[in-house]
Amino acid sequence: MSDVVAGVRQFIEAKSAELSGETKVADDDSSSPPGSSTSMGIFELVTFLEDRFGVQIRDEEILKRNFESIQCIADFVGRKLQR
């Protein structure tokens, strides 16, 4: 699971640096990860997760609770990997 957290953090921090110059984002920050509040940001994040971790994310799974923080995203991907 730590590989999932690290991979998600790396992607989110890279997006954050692009958008705001911030390079550190807390894993449990309850605000939406930088760049994920737009449709394009969500699309990029979902595409990254599917490519990096080999999961398939259905439209109905794109919910705030699954994408609220780095830890929420990692937990969501972890559950998908267990299936």
PDB file of N, CA and C in Angstrom:
ATOM      1  N   MET A   1       0.826  -1.197   0.000  1.00  0.00           N
ATOM      2  CA  MET A   1       0.000   0.000   0.000  1.00  0.00           C
ATOM      3  C   MET A   1       0.862   1.249   0.000  1.00  0.00           C
ATOM      4  N   SER A   2       2.037   1.177   0.601  1.00  0.00           N
ATOM      5  CA  SER A   2       2.896   2.358   0.627  1.00  0.00           C
ATOM      6  C   SER A   2       3.341   2.751  -0.780  1.00  0.00           C
ATOM      7  N   ASP A   3       3.440   1.775  -1.690  1.00  0.00           N
ATOM      8  CA  ASP A   3       3.775   2.088  -3.086  1.00  0.00           C
ATOM      9  C   ASP A   3       2.659   2.891  -3.734  1.00  0.00           C
ATOM     10  N   VAL A   4       1.429   2.572  -3.386  1.00  0.00           N
ATOM     11  CA  VAL A   4       0.286   3.300  -3.936  1.00  0.00           C
ATOM     12  C   VAL A   4       0.296   4.736  -3.407  1.00  0.00           C
ATOM     13  N   VAL A   5       0.477   4.899  -2.111  1.00  0.00           N
ATOM     14  CA  VAL A   5       0.521   6.241  -1.518  1.00  0.00           C
ATOM     15  C   VAL A   5       1.645   7.051  -2.166  1.00  0.00           C
ATOM     16  N   ALA A   6       2.825   6.454  -2.298  1.00  0.00           N
ATOM     17  CA  ALA A   6       3.977   7.164  -2.875  1.00  0.00           C
ATOM     18  C   ALA A   6       3.709   7.559  -4.326  1.00  0.00           C
ATOM     19  N   GLY A   7       3.120   6.660  -5.099  1.00  0.00           N
ATOM     20  CA  GLY A   7       2.817   6.965  -6.497  1.00  0.00           C
ATOM     21  C   GLY A   7       1.793   8.071  -6.642  1.00  0.00           C
ATOM     22  N   VAL A   8       0.744   8.005  -5.833  1.00  0.00           N
ATOM     23  CA  VAL A   8      -0.292   9.046  -5.864  1.00  0.00           C
ATOM     24  C   VAL A   8       0.300  10.368  -5.412  1.00  0.00           C
ATOM     25  N   ARG A   9       1.087  10.352  -4.337  1.00  0.00           N
ATOM     26  CA  ARG A   9       1.705  11.581  -3.836  1.00  0.00           C
ATOM     27  C   ARG A   9       2.599  12.203  -4.905  1.00  0.00           C
ATOM     28  N   GLN A  10       3.386  11.398  -5.575  1.00  0.00           N
ATOM     29  CA  GLN A  10       4.286  11.902  -6.617  1.00  0.00           C
ATOM     30  C   GLN A  10       3.488  12.607  -7.721  1.00  0.00           C
ATOM     31  N   PHE A  11       2.415  11.991  -8.173  1.00  0.00           N
ATOM     32  CA  PHE A  11       1.585  12.591  -9.222  1.00  0.00           C
ATOM     33  C   PHE A  11       0.949  13.897  -8.731  1.00  0.00           C
ATOM     34  N   ILE A  12       0.356  13.865  -7.538  1.00  0.00           N
ATOM     35  CA  ILE A  12      -0.327  15.046  -6.993  1.00  0.00           C
ATOM     36  C   ILE A  12       0.659  16.184  -6.761  1.00  0.00           C
ATOM     37  N   GLU A  13       1.832  15.870  -6.223  1.00  0.00           N
ATOM     38  CA  GLU A  13       2.810  16.923  -5.977  1.00  0.00           C
ATOM     39  C   GLU A  13       3.339  17.521  -7.278  1.00  0.00           C
ATOM     40  N   ALA A  14       3.483  16.708  -8.308  1.00  0.00           N
ATOM     41  CA  ALA A  14       3.910  17.234  -9.617  1.00  0.00           C
ATOM     42  C   ALA A  14       2.843  18.172 -10.173  1.00  0.00           C
ATOM     43  N   LYS A  15       1.575  17.779 -10.054  1.00  0.00           N
ATOM     44  CA  LYS A  15       0.475  18.637 -10.519  1.00  0.00           C
ATOM     45  C   LYS A  15       0.412  19.911  -9.698  1.00  0.00           C
ATOM     46  N   SER A  16       0.609  19.789  -8.405  1.00  0.00           N
ATOM     47  CA  SER A  16       0.575  20.947  -7.524  1.00  0.00           C
ATOM     48  C   SER A  16       1.687  21.930  -7.886  1.00  0.00           C
ATOM     49  N   ALA A  17       2.864  21.417  -8.171  1.00  0.00           N
ATOM     50  CA  ALA A  17       3.986  22.276  -8.553  1.00  0.00           C
ATOM     51  C   ALA A  17       3.677  23.015  -9.854  1.00  0.00           C
ATOM     52  N   GLU A  18       3.052  22.325 -10.802  1.00  0.00           N
ATOM     53  CA  GLU A  18       2.665  22.956 -12.067  1.00  0.00           C
ATOM     54  C   GLU A  18       1.666  24.086 -11.847  1.00  0.00           C
ATOM     55  N   LEU A  19       0.696  23.844 -10.990  1.00  0.00           N
ATOM     56  CA  LEU A  19      -0.414  24.782 -10.822  1.00  0.00           C
ATOM     57  C   LEU A  19      -0.127  25.924  -9.856  1.00  0.00           C
ATOM     58  N   SER A  20       0.568  25.623  -8.773  1.00  0.00           N
ATOM     59  CA  SER A  20       0.715  26.653  -7.740  1.00  0.00           C
ATOM     60  C   SER A  20       2.143  26.853  -7.237  1.00  0.00           C
ATOM     61  N   GLY A  21       3.047  26.040  -7.698  1.00  0.00           N
ATOM     62  CA  GLY A  21       4.415  26.139  -7.202  1.00  0.00           C
ATOM     63  C   GLY A  21       4.648  25.376  -5.912  1.00  0.00           C
ATOM     64  N   GLU A  22       3.578  24.881  -5.288  1.00  0.00           N
ATOM     65  CA  GLU A  22       3.700  24.079  -4.062  1.00  0.00           C
ATOM     66  C   GLU A  22       4.177  22.676  -4.441  1.00  0.00           C
ATOM     67  N   THR A  23       5.128  22.162  -3.681  1.00  0.00           N
ATOM     68  CA  THR A  23       5.637  20.833  -3.999  1.00  0.00           C
ATOM     69  C   THR A  23       5.313  19.800  -2.931  1.00  0.00           C
ATOM     70  N   LYS A  24       4.758  20.213  -1.818  1.00  0.00           N
ATOM     71  CA  LYS A  24       4.416  19.270  -0.754  1.00  0.00           C
ATOM     72  C   LYS A  24       2.926  19.330  -0.461  1.00  0.00           C
ATOM     73  N   VAL A  25       2.314  18.173  -0.453  1.00  0.00           N
ATOM     74  CA  VAL A  25       0.900  18.050  -0.133  1.00  0.00           C
ATOM     75  C   VAL A  25       0.787  16.936   0.897  1.00  0.00           C
ATOM     76  N   ALA A  26       0.105  17.196   1.992  1.00  0.00           N
ATOM     77  CA  ALA A  26      -0.056  16.190   3.051  1.00  0.00           C
ATOM     78  C   ALA A  26      -0.964  15.064   2.582  1.00  0.00           C
ATOM     79  N   ASP A  27      -0.634  13.841   2.963  1.00  0.00           N
ATOM     80  CA  ASP A  27      -1.420  12.670   2.561  1.00  0.00           C
ATOM     81  C   ASP A  27      -2.856  12.744   3.037  1.00  0.00           C
ATOM     82  N   ASP A  28      -3.070  13.368   4.186  1.00  0.00           N
ATOM     83  CA  ASP A  28      -4.418  13.402   4.752  1.00  0.00           C
ATOM     84  C   ASP A  28      -5.076  14.767   4.639  1.00  0.00           C
ATOM     85  N   ASP A  29      -4.518  15.639   3.833  1.00  0.00           N
ATOM     86  CA  ASP A  29      -5.128  16.954   3.607  1.00  0.00           C
ATOM     87  C   ASP A  29      -6.530  16.719   3.054  1.00  0.00           C
ATOM     88  N   SER A  30      -7.537  17.195   3.763  1.00  0.00           N
ATOM     89  CA  SER A  30      -8.914  16.874   3.390  1.00  0.00           C
ATOM     90  C   SER A  30      -9.456  17.710   2.241  1.00  0.00           C
ATOM     91  N   SER A  31      -8.703  18.695   1.795  1.00  0.00           N
ATOM     92  CA  SER A  31      -9.155  19.416   0.618  1.00  0.00           C
ATOM     93  C   SER A  31      -8.821  18.583  -0.614  1.00  0.00           C
ATOM     94  N   SER A  32      -9.483  18.854  -1.715  1.00  0.00           N
ATOM     95  CA  SER A  32      -9.209  18.099  -2.927  1.00  0.00           C
ATOM     96  C   SER A  32      -7.763  18.299  -3.346  1.00  0.00           C
ATOM     97  N   PRO A  33      -7.101  17.239  -3.762  1.00  0.00           N
ATOM     98  CA  PRO A  33      -5.730  17.371  -4.217  1.00  0.00           C
ATOM     99  C   PRO A  33      -5.635  18.380  -5.362  1.00  0.00           C
ATOM    100  N   PRO A  34      -4.553  19.144  -5.433  1.00  0.00           N
ATOM    101  CA  PRO A  34      -4.417  20.159  -6.472  1.00  0.00           C
ATOM    102  C   PRO A  34      -4.647  19.584  -7.862  1.00  0.00           C
ATOM    103  N   GLY A  35      -5.423  20.303  -8.641  1.00  0.00           N
ATOM    104  CA  GLY A  35      -5.691  19.895 -10.006  1.00  0.00           C
ATOM    105  C   GLY A  35      -6.826  18.915 -10.153  1.00  0.00           C
ATOM    106  N   SER A  36      -7.330  18.377  -9.040  1.00  0.00           N
ATOM    107  CA  SER A  36      -8.390  17.372  -9.161  1.00  0.00           C
ATOM    108  C   SER A  36      -9.781  17.968  -9.036  1.00  0.00           C
ATOM    109  N   SER A  37      -9.867  19.281  -8.894  1.00  0.00           N
ATOM    110  CA  SER A  37     -11.184  19.890  -8.739  1.00  0.00           C
ATOM    111  C   SER A  37     -11.812  20.268 -10.079  1.00  0.00           C
ATOM    112  N   THR A  38     -11.079  20.106 -11.164  1.00  0.00           N
ATOM    113  CA  THR A  38     -11.642  20.375 -12.488  1.00  0.00           C
ATOM    114  C   THR A  38     -11.884  19.048 -13.191  1.00  0.00           C
ATOM    115  N   SER A  39     -12.742  19.063 -14.215  1.00  0.00           N
ATOM    116  CA  SER A  39     -12.988  17.817 -14.940  1.00  0.00           C
ATOM    117  C   SER A  39     -11.720  17.308 -15.599  1.00  0.00           C
ATOM    118  N   MET A  40     -10.914  18.223 -16.132  1.00  0.00           N
ATOM    119  CA  MET A  40      -9.664  17.799 -16.763  1.00  0.00           C
ATOM    120  C   MET A  40      -8.716  17.231 -15.718  1.00  0.00           C
ATOM    121  N   GLY A  41      -8.669  17.843 -14.542  1.00  0.00           N
ATOM    122  CA  GLY A  41      -7.816  17.335 -13.474  1.00  0.00           C
ATOM    123  C   GLY A  41      -8.222  15.946 -13.035  1.00  0.00           C
ATOM    124  N   ILE A  42      -9.508  15.716 -12.897  1.00  0.00           N
ATOM    125  CA  ILE A  42     -10.014  14.381 -12.529  1.00  0.00           C
ATOM    126  C   ILE A  42      -9.676  13.381 -13.629  1.00  0.00           C
ATOM    127  N   PHE A  43      -9.886  13.778 -14.878  1.00  0.00           N
ATOM    128  CA  PHE A  43      -9.578  12.894 -16.007  1.00  0.00           C
ATOM    129  C   PHE A  43      -8.102  12.499 -15.991  1.00  0.00           C
ATOM    130  N   GLU A  44      -7.213  13.473 -15.780  1.00  0.00           N
ATOM    131  CA  GLU A  44      -5.778  13.178 -15.729  1.00  0.00           C
ATOM    132  C   GLU A  44      -5.440  12.252 -14.569  1.00  0.00           C
ATOM    133  N   LEU A  45      -6.041  12.501 -13.420  1.00  0.00           N
ATOM    134  CA  LEU A  45      -5.788  11.674 -12.247  1.00  0.00           C
ATOM    135  C   LEU A  45      -6.282  10.247 -12.459  1.00  0.00           C
ATOM    136  N   VAL A  46      -7.490  10.105 -12.967  1.00  0.00           N
ATOM    137  CA  VAL A  46      -8.054   8.768 -13.221  1.00  0.00           C
ATOM    138  C   VAL A  46      -7.200   8.025 -14.243  1.00  0.00           C
ATOM    139  N   THR A  47      -6.803   8.712 -15.302  1.00  0.00           N
ATOM    140  CA  THR A  47      -5.957   8.089 -16.326  1.00  0.00           C
ATOM    141  C   THR A  47      -4.636   7.632 -15.718  1.00  0.00           C
ATOM    142  N   PHE A  48      -4.034   8.482 -14.894  1.00  0.00           N
ATOM    143  CA  PHE A  48      -2.791   8.110 -14.210  1.00  0.00           C
ATOM    144  C   PHE A  48      -2.993   6.859 -13.362  1.00  0.00           C
ATOM    145  N   LEU A  49      -4.045   6.847 -12.541  1.00  0.00           N
ATOM    146  CA  LEU A  49      -4.291   5.708 -11.657  1.00  0.00           C
ATOM    147  C   LEU A  49      -4.498   4.419 -12.444  1.00  0.00           C
ATOM    148  N   GLU A  50      -5.268   4.498 -13.512  1.00  0.00           N
ATOM    149  CA  GLU A  50      -5.522   3.309 -14.329  1.00  0.00           C
ATOM    150  C   GLU A  50      -4.235   2.802 -14.975  1.00  0.00           C
ATOM    151  N   ASP A  51      -3.436   3.712 -15.505  1.00  0.00           N
ATOM    152  CA  ASP A  51      -2.187   3.319 -16.167  1.00  0.00           C
ATOM    153  C   ASP A  51      -1.148   2.807 -15.170  1.00  0.00           C
ATOM    154  N   ARG A  52      -0.975   3.521 -14.089  1.00  0.00           N
ATOM    155  CA  ARG A  52       0.085   3.195 -13.124  1.00  0.00           C
ATOM    156  C   ARG A  52      -0.214   1.930 -12.330  1.00  0.00           C
ATOM    157  N   PHE A  53      -1.473   1.769 -11.925  1.00  0.00           N
ATOM    158  CA  PHE A  53      -1.799   0.669 -11.019  1.00  0.00           C
ATOM    159  C   PHE A  53      -2.618  -0.438 -11.675  1.00  0.00           C
ATOM    160  N   GLY A  54      -2.951  -0.270 -12.957  1.00  0.00           N
ATOM    161  CA  GLY A  54      -3.671  -1.320 -13.671  1.00  0.00           C
ATOM    162  C   GLY A  54      -5.084  -1.552 -13.171  1.00  0.00           C
ATOM    163  N   VAL A  55      -5.715  -0.506 -12.673  1.00  0.00           N
ATOM    164  CA  VAL A  55      -7.098  -0.622 -12.215  1.00  0.00           C
ATOM    165  C   VAL A  55      -8.017   0.034 -13.246  1.00  0.00           C
ATOM    166  N   GLN A  56      -9.273  -0.314 -13.189  1.00  0.00           N
ATOM    167  CA  GLN A  56     -10.266   0.327 -14.042  1.00  0.00           C
ATOM    168  C   GLN A  56     -11.228   1.079 -13.125  1.00  0.00           C
ATOM    169  N   ILE A  57     -11.377   2.371 -13.375  1.00  0.00           N
ATOM    170  CA  ILE A  57     -12.240   3.207 -12.544  1.00  0.00           C
ATOM    171  C   ILE A  57     -13.478   3.571 -13.352  1.00  0.00           C
ATOM    172  N   ARG A  58     -14.617   3.152 -12.836  1.00  0.00           N
ATOM    173  CA  ARG A  58     -15.888   3.440 -13.509  1.00  0.00           C
ATOM    174  C   ARG A  58     -16.357   4.847 -13.156  1.00  0.00           C
ATOM    175  N   ASP A  59     -17.120   5.432 -14.047  1.00  0.00           N
ATOM    176  CA  ASP A  59     -17.618   6.793 -13.831  1.00  0.00           C
ATOM    177  C   ASP A  59     -18.316   6.935 -12.484  1.00  0.00           C
ATOM    178  N   GLU A  60     -19.104   5.945 -12.106  1.00  0.00           N
ATOM    179  CA  GLU A  60     -19.863   6.039 -10.851  1.00  0.00           C
ATOM    180  C   GLU A  60     -18.969   5.946  -9.607  1.00  0.00           C
ATOM    181  N   GLU A  61     -17.700   5.601  -9.780  1.00  0.00           N
ATOM    182  CA  GLU A  61     -16.767   5.551  -8.655  1.00  0.00           C
ATOM    183  C   GLU A  61     -16.039   6.884  -8.447  1.00  0.00           C
ATOM    184  N   ILE A  62     -16.247   7.812  -9.358  1.00  0.00           N
ATOM    185  CA  ILE A  62     -15.597   9.109  -9.233  1.00  0.00           C
ATOM    186  C   ILE A  62     -16.435   9.970  -8.298  1.00  0.00           C
ATOM    187  N   LEU A  63     -16.202   9.744  -7.028  1.00  0.00           N
ATOM    188  CA  LEU A  63     -16.931  10.405  -5.952  1.00  0.00           C
ATOM    189  C   LEU A  63     -15.956  11.174  -5.076  1.00  0.00           C
ATOM    190  N   LYS A  64     -16.432  12.237  -4.474  1.00  0.00           N
ATOM    191  CA  LYS A  64     -15.585  13.058  -3.602  1.00  0.00           C
ATOM    192  C   LYS A  64     -14.895  12.214  -2.546  1.00  0.00           C
ATOM    193  N   ARG A  65     -15.602  11.280  -1.937  1.00  0.00           N
ATOM    194  CA  ARG A  65     -15.011  10.492  -0.850  1.00  0.00           C
ATOM    195  C   ARG A  65     -13.822   9.639  -1.325  1.00  0.00           C
ATOM    196  N   ASN A  66     -13.786   9.285  -2.614  1.00  0.00           N
ATOM    197  CA  ASN A  66     -12.678   8.493  -3.146  1.00  0.00           C
ATOM    198  C   ASN A  66     -11.485   9.350  -3.563  1.00  0.00           C
ATOM    199  N   PHE A  67     -11.707  10.657  -3.740  1.00  0.00           N
ATOM    200  CA  PHE A  67     -10.669  11.530  -4.276  1.00  0.00           C
ATOM    201  C   PHE A  67     -10.408  12.756  -3.401  1.00  0.00           C
ATOM    202  N   GLU A  68     -10.779  12.676  -2.152  1.00  0.00           N
ATOM    203  CA  GLU A  68     -10.717  13.804  -1.239  1.00  0.00           C
ATOM    204  C   GLU A  68      -9.290  14.151  -0.797  1.00  0.00           C
ATOM    205  N   SER A  69      -8.416  13.172  -0.743  1.00  0.00           N
ATOM    206  CA  SER A  69      -7.035  13.398  -0.298  1.00  0.00           C
ATOM    207  C   SER A  69      -6.160  12.311  -0.913  1.00  0.00           C
ATOM    208  N   ILE A  70      -4.862  12.472  -0.762  1.00  0.00           N
ATOM    209  CA  ILE A  70      -3.940  11.447  -1.254  1.00  0.00           C
ATOM    210  C   ILE A  70      -4.242  10.116  -0.574  1.00  0.00           C
ATOM    211  N   GLN A  71      -4.484  10.140   0.730  1.00  0.00           N
ATOM    212  CA  GLN A  71      -4.764   8.904   1.454  1.00  0.00           C
ATOM    213  C   GLN A  71      -6.081   8.272   0.983  1.00  0.00           C
ATOM    214  N   CYS A  72      -7.107   9.079   0.742  1.00  0.00           N
ATOM    215  CA  CYS A  72      -8.388   8.555   0.242  1.00  0.00           C
ATOM    216  C   CYS A  72      -8.211   7.897  -1.125  1.00  0.00           C
ATOM    217  N   ILE A  73      -7.429   8.542  -1.974  1.00  0.00           N
ATOM    218  CA  ILE A  73      -7.173   7.986  -3.308  1.00  0.00           C
ATOM    219  C   ILE A  73      -6.420   6.669  -3.181  1.00  0.00           C
ATOM    220  N   ALA A  74      -5.391   6.642  -2.346  1.00  0.00           N
ATOM    221  CA  ALA A  74      -4.610   5.423  -2.163  1.00  0.00           C
ATOM    222  C   ALA A  74      -5.468   4.297  -1.580  1.00  0.00           C
ATOM    223  N   ASP A  75      -6.331   4.611  -0.626  1.00  0.00           N
ATOM    224  CA  ASP A  75      -7.236   3.602  -0.059  1.00  0.00           C
ATOM    225  C   ASP A  75      -8.178   3.062  -1.129  1.00  0.00           C
ATOM    226  N   PHE A  76      -8.711   3.956  -1.944  1.00  0.00           N
ATOM    227  CA  PHE A  76      -9.619   3.569  -3.030  1.00  0.00           C
ATOM    228  C   PHE A  76      -8.899   2.637  -4.008  1.00  0.00           C
ATOM    229  N   VAL A  77      -7.702   3.013  -4.427  1.00  0.00           N
ATOM    230  CA  VAL A  77      -6.932   2.179  -5.367  1.00  0.00           C
ATOM    231  C   VAL A  77      -6.583   0.850  -4.702  1.00  0.00           C
ATOM    232  N   GLY A  78      -6.208   0.890  -3.431  1.00  0.00           N
ATOM    233  CA  GLY A  78      -5.898  -0.338  -2.706  1.00  0.00           C
ATOM    234  C   GLY A  78      -7.067  -1.307  -2.681  1.00  0.00           C
ATOM    235  N   ARG A  79      -8.270  -0.784  -2.468  1.00  0.00           N
ATOM    236  CA  ARG A  79      -9.466  -1.650  -2.485  1.00  0.00           C
ATOM    237  C   ARG A  79      -9.670  -2.259  -3.866  1.00  0.00           C
ATOM    238  N   LYS A  80      -9.425  -1.469  -4.905  1.00  0.00           N
ATOM    239  CA  LYS A  80      -9.590  -1.975  -6.273  1.00  0.00           C
ATOM    240  C   LYS A  80      -8.553  -3.050  -6.587  1.00  0.00           C
ATOM    241  N   LEU A  81      -7.352  -2.893  -6.062  1.00  0.00           N
ATOM    242  CA  LEU A  81      -6.294  -3.871  -6.298  1.00  0.00           C
ATOM    243  C   LEU A  81      -6.572  -5.204  -5.596  1.00  0.00           C
ATOM    244  N   GLN A  82      -7.325  -5.177  -4.514  1.00  0.00           N
ATOM    245  CA  GLN A  82      -7.648  -6.391  -3.770  1.00  0.00           C
ATOM    246  C   GLN A  82      -8.701  -7.245  -4.443  1.00  0.00           C
ATOM    247  N   ARG A  83      -9.403  -6.678  -5.385  1.00  0.00           N
ATOM    248  CA  ARG A  83     -10.487  -7.418  -6.067  1.00  0.00           C
ATOM    249  C   ARG A  83      -9.954  -8.406  -7.041  1.00  0.00           C
TER     250      ARG A  83
END
